[in-house]
Amino acid sequence: MSSTGQWEELFGNGRKWRVAEEVTGTEPANGDTGAGIMAGIPVVFDHGRFELPEGAAYRSLLSTNLGRRGVLLVETSADGSADVPGSRIAVGEPAVKKAREEFSAVW
């Protein structure tokens, strides 16, 4: 995975995130489905995990590589009691694992 160097900015300093498990079904991408997914592309979500159709790809804020599968994260308050409006980002499974292990940033 080729990194963009935004790890500390997104997951450091006590920032917390959760998987958007409430997002399930097929929806056309819009501005609220996560960074890097082109509007109008049908995205299949399964409890916050997603897959784009063949020929489509997204770019995570954390990687220079394109991907078809990923996880939709939502930033939360420090105690996890509230979501931060407009904070959804799309990242790959390896990024979620790293954010959990190295930053303790994903619930």
PDB file of N, CA and C in Angstrom:
ATOM      1  N   MET A   1       0.852  -1.174   0.000  1.00  0.00           N
ATOM      2  CA  MET A   1       0.000   0.000   0.000  1.00  0.00           C
ATOM      3  C   MET A   1       0.893   1.231   0.000  1.00  0.00           C
ATOM      4  N   SER A   2       0.721   2.072  -0.956  1.00  0.00           N
ATOM      5  CA  SER A   2       1.467   3.319  -1.047  1.00  0.00           C
ATOM      6  C   SER A   2       0.713   4.388  -0.268  1.00  0.00           C
ATOM      7  N   SER A   3       1.328   4.937   0.756  1.00  0.00           N
ATOM      8  CA  SER A   3       0.657   5.829   1.695  1.00  0.00           C
ATOM      9  C   SER A   3       0.794   7.295   1.296  1.00  0.00           C
ATOM     10  N   THR A   4      -0.198   8.091   1.674  1.00  0.00           N
ATOM     11  CA  THR A   4      -0.166   9.525   1.405  1.00  0.00           C
ATOM     12  C   THR A   4       0.391  10.320   2.579  1.00  0.00           C
ATOM     13  N   GLY A   5       0.667   9.681   3.704  1.00  0.00           N
ATOM     14  CA  GLY A   5       1.234  10.376   4.850  1.00  0.00           C
ATOM     15  C   GLY A   5       0.220  11.119   5.707  1.00  0.00           C
ATOM     16  N   GLN A   6      -1.060  10.814   5.585  1.00  0.00           N
ATOM     17  CA  GLN A   6      -2.091  11.496   6.363  1.00  0.00           C
ATOM     18  C   GLN A   6      -2.535  10.704   7.597  1.00  0.00           C
ATOM     19  N   TRP A   7      -1.813   9.662   7.945  1.00  0.00           N
ATOM     20  CA  TRP A   7      -2.215   8.791   9.055  1.00  0.00           C
ATOM     21  C   TRP A   7      -2.363   9.554  10.361  1.00  0.00           C
ATOM     22  N   GLU A   8      -1.338  10.303  10.730  1.00  0.00           N
ATOM     23  CA  GLU A   8      -1.355  11.038  12.001  1.00  0.00           C
ATOM     24  C   GLU A   8      -2.481  12.077  12.003  1.00  0.00           C
ATOM     25  N   GLU A   9      -2.665  12.760  10.892  1.00  0.00           N
ATOM     26  CA  GLU A   9      -3.721  13.774  10.792  1.00  0.00           C
ATOM     27  C   GLU A   9      -5.106  13.174  11.006  1.00  0.00           C
ATOM     28  N   LEU A  10      -5.363  11.999  10.404  1.00  0.00           N
ATOM     29  CA  LEU A  10      -6.688  11.389  10.509  1.00  0.00           C
ATOM     30  C   LEU A  10      -6.899  10.578  11.779  1.00  0.00           C
ATOM     31  N   PHE A  11      -5.868   9.910  12.267  1.00  0.00           N
ATOM     32  CA  PHE A  11      -6.057   8.971  13.372  1.00  0.00           C
ATOM     33  C   PHE A  11      -5.301   9.321  14.644  1.00  0.00           C
ATOM     34  N   GLY A  12      -4.446  10.333  14.594  1.00  0.00           N
ATOM     35  CA  GLY A  12      -3.698  10.739  15.776  1.00  0.00           C
ATOM     36  C   GLY A  12      -4.467  11.720  16.641  1.00  0.00           C
ATOM     37  N   ASN A  13      -3.832  12.168  17.705  1.00  0.00           N
ATOM     38  CA  ASN A  13      -4.383  13.196  18.604  1.00  0.00           C
ATOM     39  C   ASN A  13      -5.742  12.823  19.180  1.00  0.00           C
ATOM     40  N   GLY A  14      -5.966  11.532  19.399  1.00  0.00           N
ATOM     41  CA  GLY A  14      -7.207  11.096  20.046  1.00  0.00           C
ATOM     42  C   GLY A  14      -8.428  11.038  19.158  1.00  0.00           C
ATOM     43  N   ARG A  15      -8.268  11.255  17.857  1.00  0.00           N
ATOM     44  CA  ARG A  15      -9.438  11.166  16.972  1.00  0.00           C
ATOM     45  C   ARG A  15      -9.941   9.724  16.961  1.00  0.00           C
ATOM     46  N   LYS A  16     -11.265   9.564  16.948  1.00  0.00           N
ATOM     47  CA  LYS A  16     -11.887   8.244  16.969  1.00  0.00           C
ATOM     48  C   LYS A  16     -12.836   8.095  15.788  1.00  0.00           C
ATOM     49  N   TRP A  17     -12.932   6.863  15.289  1.00  0.00           N
ATOM     50  CA  TRP A  17     -13.743   6.533  14.131  1.00  0.00           C
ATOM     51  C   TRP A  17     -14.500   5.243  14.392  1.00  0.00           C
ATOM     52  N   ARG A  18     -15.581   5.043  13.662  1.00  0.00           N
ATOM     53  CA  ARG A  18     -16.308   3.780  13.708  1.00  0.00           C
ATOM     54  C   ARG A  18     -16.674   3.393  12.287  1.00  0.00           C
ATOM     55  N   VAL A  19     -16.892   2.085  12.073  1.00  0.00           N
ATOM     56  CA  VAL A  19     -17.389   1.611  10.792  1.00  0.00           C
ATOM     57  C   VAL A  19     -18.865   1.989  10.701  1.00  0.00           C
ATOM     58  N   ALA A  20     -19.295   2.532   9.592  1.00  0.00           N
ATOM     59  CA  ALA A  20     -20.697   2.953   9.396  1.00  0.00           C
ATOM     60  C   ALA A  20     -21.555   1.717   9.122  1.00  0.00           C
ATOM     61  N   GLU A  21     -21.730   0.874  10.146  1.00  0.00           N
ATOM     62  CA  GLU A  21     -22.430  -0.405   9.988  1.00  0.00           C
ATOM     63  C   GLU A  21     -23.893  -0.252   9.603  1.00  0.00           C
ATOM     64  N   GLU A  22     -24.476   0.912   9.822  1.00  0.00           N
ATOM     65  CA  GLU A  22     -25.869   1.136   9.461  1.00  0.00           C
ATOM     66  C   GLU A  22     -26.068   1.286   7.954  1.00  0.00           C
ATOM     67  N   VAL A  23     -24.974   1.458   7.204  1.00  0.00           N
ATOM     68  CA  VAL A  23     -25.063   1.648   5.759  1.00  0.00           C
ATOM     69  C   VAL A  23     -25.038   0.282   5.070  1.00  0.00           C
ATOM     70  N   THR A  24     -26.196  -0.119   4.542  1.00  0.00           N
ATOM     71  CA  THR A  24     -26.355  -1.401   3.861  1.00  0.00           C
ATOM     72  C   THR A  24     -27.272  -1.203   2.667  1.00  0.00           C
ATOM     73  N   GLY A  25     -26.970  -1.870   1.568  1.00  0.00           N
ATOM     74  CA  GLY A  25     -27.789  -1.791   0.362  1.00  0.00           C
ATOM     75  C   GLY A  25     -27.003  -1.208  -0.792  1.00  0.00           C
ATOM     76  N   THR A  26     -27.662  -1.064  -1.911  1.00  0.00           N
ATOM     77  CA  THR A  26     -27.025  -0.491  -3.093  1.00  0.00           C
ATOM     78  C   THR A  26     -27.515   0.931  -3.267  1.00  0.00           C
ATOM     79  N   GLU A  27     -26.569   1.840  -3.363  1.00  0.00           N
ATOM     80  CA  GLU A  27     -26.896   3.251  -3.507  1.00  0.00           C
ATOM     81  C   GLU A  27     -25.969   3.869  -4.541  1.00  0.00           C
ATOM     82  N   PRO A  28     -26.465   4.853  -5.286  1.00  0.00           N
ATOM     83  CA  PRO A  28     -25.530   5.591  -6.131  1.00  0.00           C
ATOM     84  C   PRO A  28     -24.659   6.468  -5.229  1.00  0.00           C
ATOM     85  N   ALA A  29     -23.391   6.540  -5.517  1.00  0.00           N
ATOM     86  CA  ALA A  29     -22.496   7.362  -4.714  1.00  0.00           C
ATOM     87  C   ALA A  29     -22.915   8.824  -4.810  1.00  0.00           C
ATOM     88  N   ASN A  30     -22.797   9.514  -3.683  1.00  0.00           N
ATOM     89  CA  ASN A  30     -23.009  10.962  -3.661  1.00  0.00           C
ATOM     90  C   ASN A  30     -21.947  11.570  -2.763  1.00  0.00           C
ATOM     91  N   GLY A  31     -22.022  12.814  -2.479  1.00  0.00           N
ATOM     92  CA  GLY A  31     -21.013  13.482  -1.674  1.00  0.00           C
ATOM     93  C   GLY A  31     -20.902  12.965  -0.255  1.00  0.00           C
ATOM     94  N   ASP A  32     -21.870  12.173   0.222  1.00  0.00           N
ATOM     95  CA  ASP A  32     -21.879  11.722   1.606  1.00  0.00           C
ATOM     96  C   ASP A  32     -21.402  10.276   1.764  1.00  0.00           C
ATOM     97  N   THR A  33     -21.015   9.598   0.684  1.00  0.00           N
ATOM     98  CA  THR A  33     -20.632   8.189   0.812  1.00  0.00           C
ATOM     99  C   THR A  33     -19.150   7.991   1.038  1.00  0.00           C
ATOM    100  N   GLY A  34     -18.387   9.019   1.087  1.00  0.00           N
ATOM    101  CA  GLY A  34     -16.965   8.874   1.362  1.00  0.00           C
ATOM    102  C   GLY A  34     -16.100   9.487   0.296  1.00  0.00           C
ATOM    103  N   ALA A  35     -14.943   9.923   0.695  1.00  0.00           N
ATOM    104  CA  ALA A  35     -14.021  10.593  -0.220  1.00  0.00           C
ATOM    105  C   ALA A  35     -13.546   9.656  -1.312  1.00  0.00           C
ATOM    106  N   GLY A  36     -13.473  10.157  -2.510  1.00  0.00           N
ATOM    107  CA  GLY A  36     -12.855   9.423  -3.595  1.00  0.00           C
ATOM    108  C   GLY A  36     -13.767   8.544  -4.415  1.00  0.00           C
ATOM    109  N   ILE A  37     -15.048   8.434  -4.083  1.00  0.00           N
ATOM    110  CA  ILE A  37     -15.965   7.620  -4.870  1.00  0.00           C
ATOM    111  C   ILE A  37     -16.728   8.546  -5.804  1.00  0.00           C
ATOM    112  N   MET A  38     -16.643   8.289  -7.092  1.00  0.00           N
ATOM    113  CA  MET A  38     -17.277   9.161  -8.080  1.00  0.00           C
ATOM    114  C   MET A  38     -18.794   9.144  -7.938  1.00  0.00           C
ATOM    115  N   ALA A  39     -19.420  10.293  -8.004  1.00  0.00           N
ATOM    116  CA  ALA A  39     -20.874  10.416  -7.908  1.00  0.00           C
ATOM    117  C   ALA A  39     -21.539   9.628  -9.033  1.00  0.00           C
ATOM    118  N   GLY A  40     -22.652   8.984  -8.695  1.00  0.00           N
ATOM    119  CA  GLY A  40     -23.439   8.254  -9.668  1.00  0.00           C
ATOM    120  C   GLY A  40     -23.078   6.791  -9.815  1.00  0.00           C
ATOM    121  N   ILE A  41     -21.911   6.380  -9.324  1.00  0.00           N
ATOM    122  CA  ILE A  41     -21.498   4.973  -9.392  1.00  0.00           C
ATOM    123  C   ILE A  41     -22.330   4.183  -8.382  1.00  0.00           C
ATOM    124  N   PRO A  42     -22.943   3.055  -8.783  1.00  0.00           N
ATOM    125  CA  PRO A  42     -23.683   2.255  -7.800  1.00  0.00           C
ATOM    126  C   PRO A  42     -22.719   1.547  -6.856  1.00  0.00           C
ATOM    127  N   VAL A  43     -22.904   1.752  -5.566  1.00  0.00           N
ATOM    128  CA  VAL A  43     -22.042   1.170  -4.545  1.00  0.00           C
ATOM    129  C   VAL A  43     -22.865   0.171  -3.739  1.00  0.00           C
ATOM    130  N   VAL A  44     -22.353  -1.054  -3.599  1.00  0.00           N
ATOM    131  CA  VAL A  44     -23.029  -2.073  -2.790  1.00  0.00           C
ATOM    132  C   VAL A  44     -22.410  -2.036  -1.400  1.00  0.00           C
ATOM    133  N   PHE A  45     -23.211  -1.640  -0.401  1.00  0.00           N
ATOM    134  CA  PHE A  45     -22.770  -1.566   0.987  1.00  0.00           C
ATOM    135  C   PHE A  45     -23.303  -2.759   1.770  1.00  0.00           C
ATOM    136  N   ASP A  46     -22.477  -3.306   2.651  1.00  0.00           N
ATOM    137  CA  ASP A  46     -22.879  -4.372   3.561  1.00  0.00           C
ATOM    138  C   ASP A  46     -22.324  -4.031   4.935  1.00  0.00           C
ATOM    139  N   HIS A  47     -23.160  -3.410   5.755  1.00  0.00           N
ATOM    140  CA  HIS A  47     -22.764  -3.006   7.109  1.00  0.00           C
ATOM    141  C   HIS A  47     -21.491  -2.160   7.107  1.00  0.00           C
ATOM    142  N   GLY A  48     -21.450  -1.183   6.210  1.00  0.00           N
ATOM    143  CA  GLY A  48     -20.338  -0.249   6.149  1.00  0.00           C
ATOM    144  C   GLY A  48     -19.190  -0.668   5.252  1.00  0.00           C
ATOM    145  N   ARG A  49     -19.195  -1.906   4.833  1.00  0.00           N
ATOM    146  CA  ARG A  49     -18.189  -2.363   3.873  1.00  0.00           C
ATOM    147  C   ARG A  49     -18.803  -2.237   2.476  1.00  0.00           C
ATOM    148  N   PHE A  50     -17.976  -1.952   1.484  1.00  0.00           N
ATOM    149  CA  PHE A  50     -18.549  -1.711   0.164  1.00  0.00           C
ATOM    150  C   PHE A  50     -17.712  -2.317  -0.937  1.00  0.00           C
ATOM    151  N   GLU A  51     -18.373  -2.446  -2.084  1.00  0.00           N
ATOM    152  CA  GLU A  51     -17.702  -2.890  -3.297  1.00  0.00           C
ATOM    153  C   GLU A  51     -18.254  -2.089  -4.460  1.00  0.00           C
ATOM    154  N   LEU A  52     -17.359  -1.634  -5.310  1.00  0.00           N
ATOM    155  CA  LEU A  52     -17.737  -0.904  -6.515  1.00  0.00           C
ATOM    156  C   LEU A  52     -17.811  -1.873  -7.685  1.00  0.00           C
ATOM    157  N   PRO A  53     -18.597  -1.547  -8.701  1.00  0.00           N
ATOM    158  CA  PRO A  53     -18.682  -2.435  -9.869  1.00  0.00           C
ATOM    159  C   PRO A  53     -17.344  -2.518 -10.601  1.00  0.00           C
ATOM    160  N   GLU A  54     -17.178  -3.597 -11.345  1.00  0.00           N
ATOM    161  CA  GLU A  54     -15.962  -3.773 -12.134  1.00  0.00           C
ATOM    162  C   GLU A  54     -15.784  -2.572 -13.049  1.00  0.00           C
ATOM    163  N   GLY A  55     -14.569  -2.105 -13.143  1.00  0.00           N
ATOM    164  CA  GLY A  55     -14.271  -0.941 -13.975  1.00  0.00           C
ATOM    165  C   GLY A  55     -14.323   0.373 -13.210  1.00  0.00           C
ATOM    166  N   ALA A  56     -14.864   0.363 -11.982  1.00  0.00           N
ATOM    167  CA  ALA A  56     -14.917   1.564 -11.147  1.00  0.00           C
ATOM    168  C   ALA A  56     -13.911   1.413 -10.011  1.00  0.00           C
ATOM    169  N   ALA A  57     -13.429   2.523  -9.489  1.00  0.00           N
ATOM    170  CA  ALA A  57     -12.474   2.488  -8.388  1.00  0.00           C
ATOM    171  C   ALA A  57     -12.597   3.773  -7.580  1.00  0.00           C
ATOM    172  N   TYR A  58     -12.067   3.721  -6.361  1.00  0.00           N
ATOM    173  CA  TYR A  58     -12.033   4.920  -5.521  1.00  0.00           C
ATOM    174  C   TYR A  58     -10.599   5.128  -5.053  1.00  0.00           C
ATOM    175  N   ARG A  59     -10.330   6.326  -4.602  1.00  0.00           N
ATOM    176  CA  ARG A  59      -9.020   6.655  -4.039  1.00  0.00           C
ATOM    177  C   ARG A  59      -9.219   7.078  -2.587  1.00  0.00           C
ATOM    178  N   SER A  60      -8.624   6.331  -1.685  1.00  0.00           N
ATOM    179  CA  SER A  60      -8.665   6.632  -0.268  1.00  0.00           C
ATOM    180  C   SER A  60      -7.801   7.852   0.038  1.00  0.00           C
ATOM    181  N   LEU A  61      -8.108   8.541   1.113  1.00  0.00           N
ATOM    182  CA  LEU A  61      -7.258   9.645   1.567  1.00  0.00           C
ATOM    183  C   LEU A  61      -5.917   9.137   2.068  1.00  0.00           C
ATOM    184  N   LEU A  62      -5.819   7.819   2.310  1.00  0.00           N
ATOM    185  CA  LEU A  62      -4.617   7.249   2.911  1.00  0.00           C
ATOM    186  C   LEU A  62      -3.695   6.547   1.940  1.00  0.00           C
ATOM    187  N   SER A  63      -4.115   6.379   0.694  1.00  0.00           N
ATOM    188  CA  SER A  63      -3.318   5.617  -0.247  1.00  0.00           C
ATOM    189  C   SER A  63      -3.356   6.254  -1.631  1.00  0.00           C
ATOM    190  N   THR A  64      -2.277   6.086  -2.348  1.00  0.00           N
ATOM    191  CA  THR A  64      -2.253   6.560  -3.729  1.00  0.00           C
ATOM    192  C   THR A  64      -2.786   5.491  -4.675  1.00  0.00           C
ATOM    193  N   ASN A  65      -3.012   4.281  -4.158  1.00  0.00           N
ATOM    194  CA  ASN A  65      -3.543   3.184  -4.970  1.00  0.00           C
ATOM    195  C   ASN A  65      -5.062   3.288  -5.081  1.00  0.00           C
ATOM    196  N   LEU A  66      -5.617   2.835  -6.193  1.00  0.00           N
ATOM    197  CA  LEU A  66      -7.062   2.768  -6.367  1.00  0.00           C
ATOM    198  C   LEU A  66      -7.571   1.428  -5.863  1.00  0.00           C
ATOM    199  N   GLY A  67      -8.824   1.403  -5.400  1.00  0.00           N
ATOM    200  CA  GLY A  67      -9.408   0.155  -4.926  1.00  0.00           C
ATOM    201  C   GLY A  67     -10.871   0.046  -5.298  1.00  0.00           C
ATOM    202  N   ARG A  68     -11.397  -1.169  -5.267  1.00  0.00           N
ATOM    203  CA  ARG A  68     -12.825  -1.416  -5.533  1.00  0.00           C
ATOM    204  C   ARG A  68     -13.577  -1.762  -4.262  1.00  0.00           C
ATOM    205  N   ARG A  69     -12.878  -2.249  -3.241  1.00  0.00           N
ATOM    206  CA  ARG A  69     -13.518  -2.642  -1.988  1.00  0.00           C
ATOM    207  C   ARG A  69     -12.967  -1.793  -0.861  1.00  0.00           C
ATOM    208  N   GLY A  70     -13.809  -1.525   0.113  1.00  0.00           N
ATOM    209  CA  GLY A  70     -13.334  -0.722   1.230  1.00  0.00           C
ATOM    210  C   GLY A  70     -14.322  -0.690   2.370  1.00  0.00           C
ATOM    211  N   VAL A  71     -14.046   0.221   3.283  1.00  0.00           N
ATOM    212  CA  VAL A  71     -14.837   0.392   4.499  1.00  0.00           C
ATOM    213  C   VAL A  71     -15.178   1.868   4.632  1.00  0.00           C
ATOM    214  N   LEU A  72     -16.429   2.146   4.980  1.00  0.00           N
ATOM    215  CA  LEU A  72     -16.872   3.515   5.203  1.00  0.00           C
ATOM    216  C   LEU A  72     -16.741   3.818   6.692  1.00  0.00           C
ATOM    217  N   LEU A  73     -15.902   4.795   7.026  1.00  0.00           N
ATOM    218  CA  LEU A  73     -15.698   5.198   8.417  1.00  0.00           C
ATOM    219  C   LEU A  73     -16.400   6.521   8.685  1.00  0.00           C
ATOM    220  N   VAL A  74     -16.834   6.695   9.932  1.00  0.00           N
ATOM    221  CA  VAL A  74     -17.443   7.940  10.393  1.00  0.00           C
ATOM    222  C   VAL A  74     -16.690   8.361  11.650  1.00  0.00           C
ATOM    223  N   GLU A  75     -16.254   9.606  11.695  1.00  0.00           N
ATOM    224  CA  GLU A  75     -15.582  10.095  12.901  1.00  0.00           C
ATOM    225  C   GLU A  75     -16.609  10.267  14.012  1.00  0.00           C
ATOM    226  N   THR A  76     -16.175   9.967  15.244  1.00  0.00           N
ATOM    227  CA  THR A  76     -17.056  10.107  16.398  1.00  0.00           C
ATOM    228  C   THR A  76     -16.432  11.067  17.411  1.00  0.00           C
ATOM    229  N   SER A  77     -17.231  11.414  18.401  1.00  0.00           N
ATOM    230  CA  SER A  77     -16.695  12.151  19.535  1.00  0.00           C
ATOM    231  C   SER A  77     -15.693  11.250  20.247  1.00  0.00           C
ATOM    232  N   ALA A  78     -14.893  11.808  21.130  1.00  0.00           N
ATOM    233  CA  ALA A  78     -13.848  11.046  21.816  1.00  0.00           C
ATOM    234  C   ALA A  78     -14.384   9.844  22.574  1.00  0.00           C
ATOM    235  N   ASP A  79     -15.619   9.955  23.098  1.00  0.00           N
ATOM    236  CA  ASP A  79     -16.193   8.829  23.851  1.00  0.00           C
ATOM    237  C   ASP A  79     -17.095   7.944  22.995  1.00  0.00           C
ATOM    238  N   GLY A  80     -17.226   8.283  21.723  1.00  0.00           N
ATOM    239  CA  GLY A  80     -18.026   7.473  20.805  1.00  0.00           C
ATOM    240  C   GLY A  80     -19.523   7.694  20.903  1.00  0.00           C
ATOM    241  N   SER A  81     -19.955   8.679  21.655  1.00  0.00           N
ATOM    242  CA  SER A  81     -21.385   8.890  21.877  1.00  0.00           C
ATOM    243  C   SER A  81     -22.090   9.633  20.743  1.00  0.00           C
ATOM    244  N   ALA A  82     -21.335  10.304  19.884  1.00  0.00           N
ATOM    245  CA  ALA A  82     -21.951  11.073  18.794  1.00  0.00           C
ATOM    246  C   ALA A  82     -21.055  11.049  17.562  1.00  0.00           C
ATOM    247  N   ASP A  83     -21.688  11.060  16.387  1.00  0.00           N
ATOM    248  CA  ASP A  83     -20.951  11.144  15.129  1.00  0.00           C
ATOM    249  C   ASP A  83     -20.639  12.599  14.809  1.00  0.00           C
ATOM    250  N   VAL A  84     -19.536  12.815  14.123  1.00  0.00           N
ATOM    251  CA  VAL A  84     -19.178  14.140  13.627  1.00  0.00           C
ATOM    252  C   VAL A  84     -19.828  14.282  12.257  1.00  0.00           C
ATOM    253  N   PRO A  85     -20.764  15.223  12.081  1.00  0.00           N
ATOM    254  CA  PRO A  85     -21.452  15.378  10.795  1.00  0.00           C
ATOM    255  C   PRO A  85     -20.475  15.628   9.652  1.00  0.00           C
ATOM    256  N   GLY A  86     -20.744  14.965   8.515  1.00  0.00           N
ATOM    257  CA  GLY A  86     -19.948  15.171   7.312  1.00  0.00           C
ATOM    258  C   GLY A  86     -18.551  14.572   7.352  1.00  0.00           C
ATOM    259  N   SER A  87     -18.312  13.617   8.249  1.00  0.00           N
ATOM    260  CA  SER A  87     -16.948  13.099   8.434  1.00  0.00           C
ATOM    261  C   SER A  87     -16.683  11.757   7.775  1.00  0.00           C
ATOM    262  N   ARG A  88     -17.571  11.262   6.953  1.00  0.00           N
ATOM    263  CA  ARG A  88     -17.375   9.944   6.347  1.00  0.00           C
ATOM    264  C   ARG A  88     -16.172   9.926   5.413  1.00  0.00           C
ATOM    265  N   ILE A  89     -15.382   8.841   5.534  1.00  0.00           N
ATOM    266  CA  ILE A  89     -14.271   8.615   4.609  1.00  0.00           C
ATOM    267  C   ILE A  89     -14.269   7.143   4.197  1.00  0.00           C
ATOM    268  N   ALA A  90     -13.796   6.884   2.994  1.00  0.00           N
ATOM    269  CA  ALA A  90     -13.667   5.519   2.485  1.00  0.00           C
ATOM    270  C   ALA A  90     -12.200   5.127   2.538  1.00  0.00           C
ATOM    271  N   VAL A  91     -11.930   3.981   3.172  1.00  0.00           N
ATOM    272  CA  VAL A  91     -10.566   3.462   3.280  1.00  0.00           C
ATOM    273  C   VAL A  91     -10.592   1.964   3.032  1.00  0.00           C
ATOM    274  N   GLY A  92      -9.444   1.376   2.814  1.00  0.00           N
ATOM    275  CA  GLY A  92      -9.340  -0.063   2.634  1.00  0.00           C
ATOM    276  C   GLY A  92      -9.285  -0.799   3.968  1.00  0.00           C
ATOM    277  N   GLU A  93      -9.576  -2.104   3.934  1.00  0.00           N
ATOM    278  CA  GLU A  93      -9.509  -2.945   5.138  1.00  0.00           C
ATOM    279  C   GLU A  93      -8.135  -2.870   5.818  1.00  0.00           C
ATOM    280  N   PRO A  94      -7.023  -2.907   5.049  1.00  0.00           N
ATOM    281  CA  PRO A  94      -5.716  -2.811   5.711  1.00  0.00           C
ATOM    282  C   PRO A  94      -5.546  -1.499   6.490  1.00  0.00           C
ATOM    283  N   ALA A  95      -6.149  -0.413   5.997  1.00  0.00           N
ATOM    284  CA  ALA A  95      -6.058   0.867   6.694  1.00  0.00           C
ATOM    285  C   ALA A  95      -6.823   0.823   8.013  1.00  0.00           C
ATOM    286  N   VAL A  96      -7.980   0.166   8.024  1.00  0.00           N
ATOM    287  CA  VAL A  96      -8.752   0.036   9.268  1.00  0.00           C
ATOM    288  C   VAL A  96      -7.935  -0.750  10.287  1.00  0.00           C
ATOM    289  N   LYS A  97      -7.325  -1.828   9.841  1.00  0.00           N
ATOM    290  CA  LYS A  97      -6.507  -2.657  10.734  1.00  0.00           C
ATOM    291  C   LYS A  97      -5.356  -1.840  11.322  1.00  0.00           C
ATOM    292  N   LYS A  98      -4.661  -1.081  10.477  1.00  0.00           N
ATOM    293  CA  LYS A  98      -3.542  -0.260  10.946  1.00  0.00           C
ATOM    294  C   LYS A  98      -4.019   0.822  11.908  1.00  0.00           C
ATOM    295  N   ALA A  99      -5.150   1.466  11.593  1.00  0.00           N
ATOM    296  CA  ALA A  99      -5.680   2.520  12.472  1.00  0.00           C
ATOM    297  C   ALA A  99      -6.046   1.960  13.837  1.00  0.00           C
ATOM    298  N   ARG A 100      -6.554   0.724  13.870  1.00  0.00           N
ATOM    299  CA  ARG A 100      -6.882   0.083  15.148  1.00  0.00           C
ATOM    300  C   ARG A 100      -5.617  -0.270  15.918  1.00  0.00           C
ATOM    301  N   GLU A 101      -4.682  -0.918  15.248  1.00  0.00           N
ATOM    302  CA  GLU A 101      -3.492  -1.440  15.915  1.00  0.00           C
ATOM    303  C   GLU A 101      -2.502  -0.352  16.319  1.00  0.00           C
ATOM    304  N   GLU A 102      -2.252   0.604  15.450  1.00  0.00           N
ATOM    305  CA  GLU A 102      -1.218   1.605  15.715  1.00  0.00           C
ATOM    306  C   GLU A 102      -1.726   2.873  16.399  1.00  0.00           C
ATOM    307  N   PHE A 103      -3.000   3.198  16.210  1.00  0.00           N
ATOM    308  CA  PHE A 103      -3.532   4.445  16.754  1.00  0.00           C
ATOM    309  C   PHE A 103      -4.683   4.232  17.734  1.00  0.00           C
ATOM    310  N   SER A 104      -5.212   3.010  17.830  1.00  0.00           N
ATOM    311  CA  SER A 104      -6.408   2.743  18.643  1.00  0.00           C
ATOM    312  C   SER A 104      -7.519   3.727  18.289  1.00  0.00           C
ATOM    313  N   ALA A 105      -7.673   3.995  16.996  1.00  0.00           N
ATOM    314  CA  ALA A 105      -8.553   5.062  16.542  1.00  0.00           C
ATOM    315  C   ALA A 105      -9.886   4.576  15.977  1.00  0.00           C
ATOM    316  N   VAL A 106     -10.041   3.269  15.748  1.00  0.00           N
ATOM    317  CA  VAL A 106     -11.299   2.759  15.185  1.00  0.00           C
ATOM    318  C   VAL A 106     -11.937   1.844  16.203  1.00  0.00           C
ATOM    319  N   TRP A 107     -13.181   2.156  16.567  1.00  0.00           N
ATOM    320  CA  TRP A 107     -13.921   1.342  17.545  1.00  0.00           C
ATOM    321  C   TRP A 107     -14.163  -0.028  16.990  1.00  0.00           C
TER     322      TRP A 107
END
